């Protein structure tokens, strides 16, 4: 999600206009101290600037970079396009992102990032994990709206 984006679908992963996709790609270009432009990871500060919406992580490097430096709450939705319960709870996850603008909400597609999901102990979907300062605080398994809301409220 990009702050200027007005797309109701929160651009996951890219709307048909490609505004948000292009902005994410541009954000991966960094300017070094001597003015050189280099390609690199999406910086955590840029990801943290995306608070207030849901961002789709594209690779394990984005996750590692975010996790290594994030001192704010990160709520991760491990999902898959074919997962019915995942699709049913997706609007709740988006609503929580709107309700808690200082929390970072990200989705990880287990079909695209299966190794990362397995490394993080995800064995069923949906699985929601709460992280802060590189430490997993809690896990909610299943599409249980009450448990998800309670966990986010507790750690936010």
Protein backbone atom coordinates (compact mmCIF):
# COMPACT_ATOMS: atom_id res chain seq x y z
CA UNK A 1 0.00 0.00 0.00
CA UNK A 2 1.24 3.44 -0.84
CA UNK A 3 0.13 6.48 1.20
CA UNK A 4 -1.27 8.29 -1.85
CA UNK A 5 -3.19 5.23 -3.05
CA UNK A 6 -6.96 5.50 -3.14
CA UNK A 7 -7.65 1.94 -4.23
CA UNK A 8 -10.18 0.19 -2.02
CA UNK A 9 -8.45 -3.17 -2.51
CA UNK A 10 -5.34 -1.78 -0.80
CA UNK A 11 -3.24 -2.72 -3.81
CA UNK A 12 -2.44 -6.31 -2.99
CA UNK A 13 -0.30 -6.91 -4.90
CA UNK A 14 -1.00 -4.32 -7.64
CA UNK A 15 -4.07 -2.52 -8.97
CA UNK A 16 -4.74 -2.41 -12.68
CA UNK A 17 -3.38 1.15 -12.87
CA UNK A 18 -0.04 -0.03 -11.40
CA UNK A 19 0.38 3.21 -9.38
CA UNK A 20 1.12 1.37 -6.16
CA UNK A 21 3.22 -1.31 -7.81
CA UNK A 22 5.35 1.34 -9.51
CA UNK A 23 5.74 3.24 -6.23
CA UNK A 24 6.84 0.05 -4.42
CA UNK A 25 9.36 -0.66 -7.16
CA UNK A 26 10.64 2.92 -6.95
CA UNK A 27 10.94 2.60 -3.18
CA UNK A 28 13.40 -0.24 -3.72
CA UNK A 29 15.80 2.22 -5.33
CA UNK A 30 17.94 3.88 -2.70
CA UNK A 31 20.27 6.87 -2.86
CA UNK A 32 23.58 6.40 -1.05
CA UNK A 33 25.35 9.11 0.94
CA UNK A 34 27.46 10.13 -2.07
CA UNK A 35 24.41 10.48 -4.32
CA UNK A 36 24.69 7.15 -6.13
CA UNK A 37 21.44 5.40 -6.89
CA UNK A 38 21.42 1.71 -6.00
CA UNK A 39 18.81 -1.00 -6.11
CA UNK A 40 18.14 -2.51 -2.73
CA UNK A 41 15.61 -3.85 -0.32
CA UNK A 42 12.53 -1.90 0.56
CA UNK A 43 13.79 -0.08 3.63
CA UNK A 44 12.02 -0.68 6.92
CA UNK A 45 11.37 3.04 7.23
CA UNK A 46 9.51 2.93 3.93
CA UNK A 47 7.57 -0.16 5.02
CA UNK A 48 6.79 1.43 8.37
CA UNK A 49 5.58 4.51 6.51
CA UNK A 50 2.92 2.24 5.04
CA UNK A 51 1.20 1.88 8.41
CA UNK A 52 -2.54 2.26 8.23
CA UNK A 53 -3.04 -0.29 5.46
CA UNK A 54 -2.11 -3.82 4.46
CA UNK A 55 1.09 -4.48 2.53
CA UNK A 56 1.81 -7.68 0.58
CA UNK A 57 5.39 -8.81 1.15
CA UNK A 58 7.05 -9.91 -2.06
CA UNK A 59 10.07 -11.83 -0.80
CA UNK A 60 11.80 -13.18 2.29
CA UNK A 61 14.37 -10.38 2.21
CA UNK A 62 11.63 -7.78 2.78
CA UNK A 63 10.47 -9.78 5.80
CA UNK A 64 13.97 -10.12 7.25
CA UNK A 65 14.71 -6.43 6.78
CA UNK A 66 11.43 -5.37 8.36
CA UNK A 67 11.75 -7.78 11.25
CA UNK A 68 15.34 -6.79 11.99
CA UNK A 69 14.54 -3.13 12.51
CA UNK A 70 10.88 -2.79 13.36
CA UNK A 71 10.17 -1.59 16.89
CA UNK A 72 6.48 -1.29 16.22
CA UNK A 73 3.90 -4.07 16.26
CA UNK A 74 3.80 -6.13 13.06
CA UNK A 75 0.75 -8.31 12.41
CA UNK A 76 1.30 -10.94 9.72
CA UNK A 77 -1.49 -12.72 7.85
CA UNK A 78 -0.28 -15.96 6.27
CA UNK A 79 -2.79 -16.56 3.51
CA UNK A 80 -3.45 -18.26 0.17
CA UNK A 81 -5.78 -17.34 -2.67
CA UNK A 82 -7.42 -20.80 -2.58
CA UNK A 83 -8.09 -20.70 1.18
CA UNK A 84 -11.78 -20.02 1.85
CA UNK A 85 -11.39 -19.04 5.53
CA UNK A 86 -8.54 -16.71 4.53
CA UNK A 87 -10.79 -14.91 2.08
CA UNK A 88 -13.61 -14.65 4.62
CA UNK A 89 -11.43 -13.01 7.29
CA UNK A 90 -9.51 -10.74 4.88
CA UNK A 91 -11.98 -7.82 5.31
CA UNK A 92 -11.52 -8.06 9.10
CA UNK A 93 -7.73 -7.87 8.68
CA UNK A 94 -8.12 -4.80 6.46
CA UNK A 95 -10.52 -3.21 8.97
CA UNK A 96 -8.01 -3.80 11.78
CA UNK A 97 -5.34 -2.07 9.71
CA UNK A 98 -7.65 0.94 9.46
CA UNK A 99 -8.46 0.82 13.19
CA UNK A 100 -4.80 0.62 14.24
CA UNK A 101 -2.87 2.99 11.95
CA UNK A 102 0.31 2.77 14.05
CA UNK A 103 0.55 -1.00 13.55
CA UNK A 104 2.14 -2.57 10.47
CA UNK A 105 -0.16 -5.14 8.82
CA UNK A 106 1.38 -7.41 6.19
CA UNK A 107 0.23 -10.41 4.19
CA UNK A 108 2.44 -13.29 3.17
CA UNK A 109 1.15 -15.60 0.44
CA UNK A 110 2.21 -19.11 1.46
CA UNK A 111 2.19 -20.26 -2.16
CA UNK A 112 4.73 -17.58 -3.10
CA UNK A 113 6.77 -17.63 0.12
CA UNK A 114 6.24 -21.19 1.32
CA UNK A 115 9.74 -21.66 2.68
CA UNK A 116 9.46 -18.51 4.79
CA UNK A 117 6.04 -19.59 6.08
CA UNK A 118 7.42 -23.01 7.00
CA UNK A 119 10.44 -21.44 8.73
CA UNK A 120 8.02 -19.35 10.81
CA UNK A 121 6.06 -22.44 11.87
CA UNK A 122 2.98 -21.89 9.73
CA UNK A 123 1.19 -25.18 9.12
CA UNK A 124 -2.40 -24.05 8.58
CA UNK A 125 -4.19 -21.05 7.18
CA UNK A 126 -5.06 -18.52 8.04
CA UNK A 127 -2.37 -17.99 10.64
CA UNK A 128 -1.79 -14.58 12.18
CA UNK A 129 1.43 -13.76 14.00
CA UNK A 130 2.18 -10.69 16.12
CA UNK A 131 5.83 -9.52 16.16
CA UNK A 132 7.78 -6.71 17.81
CA UNK A 133 11.55 -6.14 17.98
CA UNK A 134 12.24 -9.41 16.18
CA UNK A 135 10.25 -11.48 18.68
CA UNK A 136 7.02 -13.33 18.03
CA UNK A 137 4.51 -12.27 20.68
CA UNK A 138 1.46 -14.34 19.81
CA UNK A 139 -0.14 -16.58 17.19
CA UNK A 140 -3.80 -16.85 16.20
CA UNK A 141 -4.63 -19.88 14.07
CA UNK A 142 -7.84 -20.02 12.09
CA UNK A 143 -10.35 -17.41 10.98
CA UNK A 144 -11.41 -16.47 14.52
CA UNK A 145 -12.31 -12.78 14.39
CA UNK A 146 -12.70 -12.40 18.16
CA UNK A 147 -9.28 -13.93 18.91
CA UNK A 148 -7.59 -11.89 16.19
CA UNK A 149 -9.14 -8.63 17.39
CA UNK A 150 -8.24 -9.42 21.02
CA UNK A 151 -4.61 -10.21 20.16
CA UNK A 152 -4.15 -7.04 18.11
CA UNK A 153 -5.81 -4.92 20.82
CA UNK A 154 -3.62 -6.49 23.50
CA UNK A 155 -0.31 -5.77 21.77
CA UNK A 156 -1.13 -2.51 19.94
